[in-house]
Each structure stands twice: as C-alpha cells, then as structure tokens.
Amino acid sequence: MATGSSDISARIKDVKPTKNDKKRSHGDKGDKNTLSIRDDDDTCVDCGKAVNNNQQGLKCDGCGFWHHTVCEAVSDETYAFLCQHDDEATIVWYCKKCAITCKSLMAMMLSVQDKLQQLDDSMYGIASTINTKMDDLYAEMCSRLDTKANHDVVAVEEVQKKVDDNMVTLTDSIVRTVSSKVDNLSTAVCSRLEAKVSCNVVAVEEMQKKVDAKMDDLADFVKNREKIDEWKKMEVKVDTIIDTVKDQAKIDTHFVHDCVEDAIMVKFAKDQEELEEVKRRRLNVIVHGLKEPAEEDDGARKSRDEDEIISMLHEINCDDVSVTSSTRLGRKNDSTATKPRPMKLVIASEEQKEKVLRLAKNLKRKKEKGLDNVFIHQDLTPLQREKRRKLIQELRERQEQGERNLIIVRGKIVTKRTWLETATSD
C-alpha cells in the first residue's frame, strides 16, 4: 500500500509483499522479492506525475490509484504508520475523493435503512388493523350463526312436540272409533245370536269366539297400520326439516367465508390505494398563512409567490432547497379580509423536504418578517387527514380534562418532556 524514501527502498527485499501489490502482480511469474516494488509508470492521479520508488507514495484501497503523500497532504507520521502495518488487512487508506464518496454512501445507506424501518412499521400497523377487523368480523359471524342455530333447534323441538301430540291424539281417536264399531258389531251379533240361541247354542258360542277373534285381529291391524303410516309420514317430515336446517347452515357458512374474503380484498385494495397516494405526495409540503399577493395578473401573482417562498426558505436557512413547483389551493377570494389560501410546494428530493419540515418550527421566531403565523406540514392523504383530525380532537379533550404538555408525534399523543425531566433522567 505504501512505498517511499531511499532508506525504505534499501530494505525493500526484507519487507513482506503488501495486499495491494499482490493484487497488481497477480499472475506474475517473476521473483517473489519484486512483489513490493512499484512500476515506474504508476502516476499520481492528483498531479499526473509518476510516483517513483524513491518518492513517498500511497495506493488507495478504494480506487486503486497511486498518490504522492504530498498531493494528499499525508503527514510523515501517518505514512510511517501505514508502512509499518502494510500487511494488516484491517488497516486501509483512502484518498480524499474516495473518503468523501464513502461518507456519502454511508449516509445514503443509513437513510435507506431508516426508510425501510418506517415502511416495516407501516406494514405492521396495516397487518394489525386487518387482523383486528378479521377477528371482529369472525366473532360477529359466529354470534349470528349461534343465534340462528339456536332458533333452528327450538323450531325442530317444537315440530317434534307437535308430532308427538298429534300421534297421541290420532292413536286415541283410532282406538275409540274401532272400539265403538266393534261394540256396535258385537251388540248386533249378540242380538241376532240371542234370537237363535234356542236353536243352536253350541254354534252360537263358536261363532261368538270367531267373531271376537276376527274383531281383535281387525282392531290390531287397523291400529298398527294407521300408526305405522303416520309415523312414517312424520319421520319423512322431520328428516326433511333436519336436511333443510343443515343445508341452510352450509349456505350460511359459505356466505360468511365469501364475506370474509371480500372484506379482505376490499381492505387490501384500499391499503394499496393509500400507499400509492402516499408515494405520490412524498415530495409535497403544504404552507399555511403565507401572504397572498393582491395583483390581478396571474403572472405577477406567481412571481410574487415565488419571491415569498424564497424569502421564507432563506429565513429558516434552507437556501439550498430547490422547489420544483408551487400552487395555491382553492378558489381565489377577492375579499381582502379572508385568510390566504394554503400553498402546495413540490420539493426536489425527500432529503430537502425533511430539512424544510425540520426547520419550519423556527418561523415562529420571525415575527418581524411577518412569518410567525406561517406553518408548514407534510402533504397528507384524505385518510391521514381524517386520522390527524381525530387525534387533534382527542388532544383537545384531554387538555380540557387537565392534562398538560401533550403533543402529537408520529401519529400518537405523547407527553412532552420538560427541561427539568430531561436533565434529571440524564
């Protein structure tokens, strides 16, 4: 990584080859002692002159070019330290340009990491909201199904009770009817038999037995047949009711599943639309209270607004911020007593936008410039504005109840720490 003065060159053969020299000499079949010797045609990219073996020179671990220590303003102590630790992989040296580039890359990587963390937090919040709404919807559907099932069970029990009552009533009616007919028939037969009893007592008794047996068989047959037929009919009706209840339960289950899927898809579509809207507004800020020009000509008003924006940015030390476009929001009111319309500014980059939002609080101190009533905030989507409106309403209610030092930070109401609390915790 380093070469230099004549006394170092004199001991060059006793020095181990460096990692940079090994990279340059990879594939070289020469003597191993020549690995640490630079070519005479290596030039310093700062001055364009050759870096000779009798000169102090350093090879950048970033760009791989050689530099004179004088051109890079490297002290002799630093150069001597790098020469002594040239074979250690953990010690590197960067030229000025590479050092600046590395710092910029590190800053960019930290910014990207912060944005990714914010995106993860946002996605986690969305997922939590979806899970909560899914649980609520599931609980509501289960409650509705339980209620419907209870109603269906009660209806089946009522039908079963009616069937039992009808069966008892029908059985009693059949028994009474058959008994009445048997009694009538028995009375008639007895009357006829009594008329002929004097003729053939034995024949009458045998006929009486046969008639009684036939009547008993007929009564049992009629009773059992009617009862079986009625039971079969009732069984068919009960089975039909049970099948209907089961089919209705299946239909309700499918309906719930479809409703849940539709709710998820609608929520996902809304979340996607919200993310796209946030992305479209990421470079926008809204300025309230900035004096509106009274000129009638549109071009003159536009020019005056641009001057006001430049002056405002200058007052909060944002002269390096570039504004790509500016627009007054809403319809212009000719009355001079009305408040100035808010203005939307589109900033060139997110870094510049964050800087403007961070320094906008200093406008309260610019009363002599007429900027103490001007405030700036991020351009919010309609959903974000509604959430902020509810937060502000909650903040006011809590302040009316006696709470103090409340502020809104990252979508939450927190208590602002006072100077004394900060000093005590430190």
Foldseek 3Di string as FASTA:
>chain_A
DKAEAPVRVVCQQVDQAFPLLCVVCPPPPDDNSCSNADDQPQAAPQPRHTDHRRHIWDAAPPPRGIHGCVSQVNDPVRSVVCSVCRRDPVDGHHGPVVVVVVVVVVVVVVVVVVVVVVVVVVVVVLVVVLVVVLVVLVVVLVVVLVVVVVVLVVVLVVLVVVLVVVLVVVLVVLLVVLVVVLVVVLVVLVVVCVVCCVPPVPVSVVVNVVSVVVSVVVSVVVSVVVSVVSVVVSVVVSVVSVVVVVVVSVVSVVVSVVVSVVVVVVSVVVVVVQVVVCVVQLQKKKKFQQDFDLDPDPVVRQVVVVVSVCVLCVVLVLNVWDWPDKDFDDDDDNDPPDGGGMMMTGTPDNVSVVSCQVSQVCQCVPVVVVRNPMGMDGDHDPVVVVLVVVVVVVVVVVVVVPDDQWDADPSDIDHDDDPVNVVVVD
